Amino acid sequence: MDILLKVLLVIFSIGLIAVVLLQKGKSAGLSGAISGGAEHLFGKTKARGMELVLERVTVGLAVGFFVLSIVVAVVLD
């Protein structure tokens, strides 16, 4: 059980790193970081195609990674 959980955790972490690196940057520089949030919330353009798939996969992998991290910490303690 220990080995299975650790292997799953490594797979989720590598997958999360790969998916994040595949995504494009939303904006560049400090001014883009400040105005980028407003554009994301109030912008009329929606993510479509590959961007939407990568965003959803990122959320799924992140949730799985956090849950597995907590499970590994509790079970292996």
C-alpha atoms as a PDB file:
ATOM      1  CA  MET A   1       0.000   0.000   0.000  1.00  0.00           C
ATOM      2  CA  ASP A   2       2.841   2.384   0.837  1.00  0.00           C
ATOM      3  CA  ILE A   3       4.581   1.822  -2.468  1.00  0.00           C
ATOM      4  CA  LEU A   4       1.355   2.197  -4.469  1.00  0.00           C
ATOM      5  CA  LEU A   5       0.546   5.543  -2.835  1.00  0.00           C
ATOM      6  CA  LYS A   6       4.082   6.835  -3.355  1.00  0.00           C
ATOM      7  CA  VAL A   7       4.110   5.772  -7.015  1.00  0.00           C
ATOM      8  CA  LEU A   8       0.733   7.474  -7.567  1.00  0.00           C
ATOM      9  CA  LEU A   9       2.039  10.616  -5.894  1.00  0.00           C
ATOM     10  CA  VAL A  10       5.087  10.682  -8.164  1.00  0.00           C
ATOM     11  CA  ILE A  11       2.913  10.134 -11.253  1.00  0.00           C
ATOM     12  CA  PHE A  12       0.563  12.959 -10.232  1.00  0.00           C
ATOM     13  CA  SER A  13       3.462  15.315  -9.517  1.00  0.00           C
ATOM     14  CA  ILE A  14       5.198  14.630 -12.839  1.00  0.00           C
ATOM     15  CA  GLY A  15       1.885  14.973 -14.675  1.00  0.00           C
ATOM     16  CA  LEU A  16       1.133  18.257 -12.931  1.00  0.00           C
ATOM     17  CA  ILE A  17       4.561  19.650 -13.808  1.00  0.00           C
ATOM     18  CA  ALA A  18       4.183  18.595 -17.453  1.00  0.00           C
ATOM     19  CA  VAL A  19       0.692  20.072 -17.832  1.00  0.00           C
ATOM     20  CA  VAL A  20       1.692  23.379 -16.254  1.00  0.00           C
ATOM     21  CA  LEU A  21       4.702  23.640 -18.559  1.00  0.00           C
ATOM     22  CA  LEU A  22       2.498  22.989 -21.606  1.00  0.00           C
ATOM     23  CA  GLN A  23       0.276  25.978 -20.864  1.00  0.00           C
ATOM     24  CA  LYS A  24       0.859  29.389 -22.374  1.00  0.00           C
ATOM     25  CA  GLY A  25       1.526  32.401 -20.190  1.00  0.00           C
ATOM     26  CA  LYS A  26      -1.612  34.500 -19.711  1.00  0.00           C
ATOM     27  CA  SER A  27       0.265  37.800 -19.666  1.00  0.00           C
ATOM     28  CA  ALA A  28       3.781  39.141 -19.502  1.00  0.00           C
ATOM     29  CA  GLY A  29       5.398  41.290 -16.870  1.00  0.00           C
ATOM     30  CA  LEU A  30       4.104  42.974 -13.739  1.00  0.00           C
ATOM     31  CA  SER A  31       1.501  45.082 -15.541  1.00  0.00           C
ATOM     32  CA  GLY A  32       0.080  41.939 -17.073  1.00  0.00           C
ATOM     33  CA  ALA A  33      -0.107  40.303 -13.658  1.00  0.00           C
ATOM     34  CA  ILE A  34      -2.111  43.204 -12.260  1.00  0.00           C
ATOM     35  CA  SER A  35      -4.519  43.585 -15.174  1.00  0.00           C
ATOM     36  CA  GLY A  36      -4.587  39.887 -16.035  1.00  0.00           C
ATOM     37  CA  GLY A  37      -6.878  39.024 -13.126  1.00  0.00           C
ATOM     38  CA  ALA A  38      -9.500  41.535 -14.195  1.00  0.00           C
ATOM     39  CA  GLU A  39      -9.386  40.292 -17.772  1.00  0.00           C
ATOM     40  CA  HIS A  40      -9.782  36.736 -16.558  1.00  0.00           C
ATOM     41  CA  LEU A  41     -12.810  37.572 -14.429  1.00  0.00           C
ATOM     42  CA  PHE A  42     -14.527  40.111 -16.648  1.00  0.00           C
ATOM     43  CA  GLY A  43     -13.110  39.304 -20.077  1.00  0.00           C
ATOM     44  CA  LYS A  44     -15.378  38.241 -22.874  1.00  0.00           C
ATOM     45  CA  THR A  45     -12.980  35.706 -24.313  1.00  0.00           C
ATOM     46  CA  LYS A  46     -13.399  32.208 -23.000  1.00  0.00           C
ATOM     47  CA  ALA A  47     -10.811  29.469 -23.081  1.00  0.00           C
ATOM     48  CA  ARG A  48     -11.491  27.066 -25.923  1.00  0.00           C
ATOM     49  CA  GLY A  49      -9.952  23.937 -27.281  1.00  0.00           C
ATOM     50  CA  MET A  50      -6.630  22.848 -25.925  1.00  0.00           C
ATOM     51  CA  GLU A  51      -6.422  25.676 -23.373  1.00  0.00           C
ATOM     52  CA  LEU A  52      -9.654  24.552 -21.737  1.00  0.00           C
ATOM     53  CA  VAL A  53      -8.546  20.912 -21.687  1.00  0.00           C
ATOM     54  CA  LEU A  54      -5.181  21.819 -20.148  1.00  0.00           C
ATOM     55  CA  GLU A  55      -6.883  24.014 -17.543  1.00  0.00           C
ATOM     56  CA  ARG A  56      -9.249  21.236 -16.492  1.00  0.00           C
ATOM     57  CA  VAL A  57      -6.494  18.615 -16.431  1.00  0.00           C
ATOM     58  CA  THR A  58      -4.376  20.953 -14.293  1.00  0.00           C
ATOM     59  CA  VAL A  59      -7.182  21.361 -11.765  1.00  0.00           C
ATOM     60  CA  GLY A  60      -7.782  17.607 -11.646  1.00  0.00           C
ATOM     61  CA  LEU A  61      -4.118  16.766 -11.208  1.00  0.00           C
ATOM     62  CA  ALA A  62      -3.678  19.460  -8.549  1.00  0.00           C
ATOM     63  CA  VAL A  63      -6.627  18.172  -6.525  1.00  0.00           C
ATOM     64  CA  GLY A  64      -5.361  14.607  -6.861  1.00  0.00           C
ATOM     65  CA  PHE A  65      -1.868  15.649  -5.839  1.00  0.00           C
ATOM     66  CA  PHE A  66      -3.067  17.444  -2.701  1.00  0.00           C
ATOM     67  CA  VAL A  67      -5.380  14.608  -1.693  1.00  0.00           C
ATOM     68  CA  LEU A  68      -2.671  11.999  -2.236  1.00  0.00           C
ATOM     69  CA  SER A  69      -0.162  14.125  -0.309  1.00  0.00           C
ATOM     70  CA  ILE A  70      -2.479  14.266   2.676  1.00  0.00           C
ATOM     71  CA  VAL A  71      -3.270  10.546   2.436  1.00  0.00           C
ATOM     72  CA  VAL A  72       0.423   9.626   2.253  1.00  0.00           C
ATOM     73  CA  ALA A  73       1.209  11.871   5.219  1.00  0.00           C
ATOM     74  CA  VAL A  74      -1.590  10.338   7.311  1.00  0.00           C
ATOM     75  CA  VAL A  75      -1.135   6.699   6.287  1.00  0.00           C
ATOM     76  CA  LEU A  76       2.642   6.640   6.508  1.00  0.00           C
ATOM     77  CA  ASP A  77       2.784   8.478   9.811  1.00  0.00           C
END
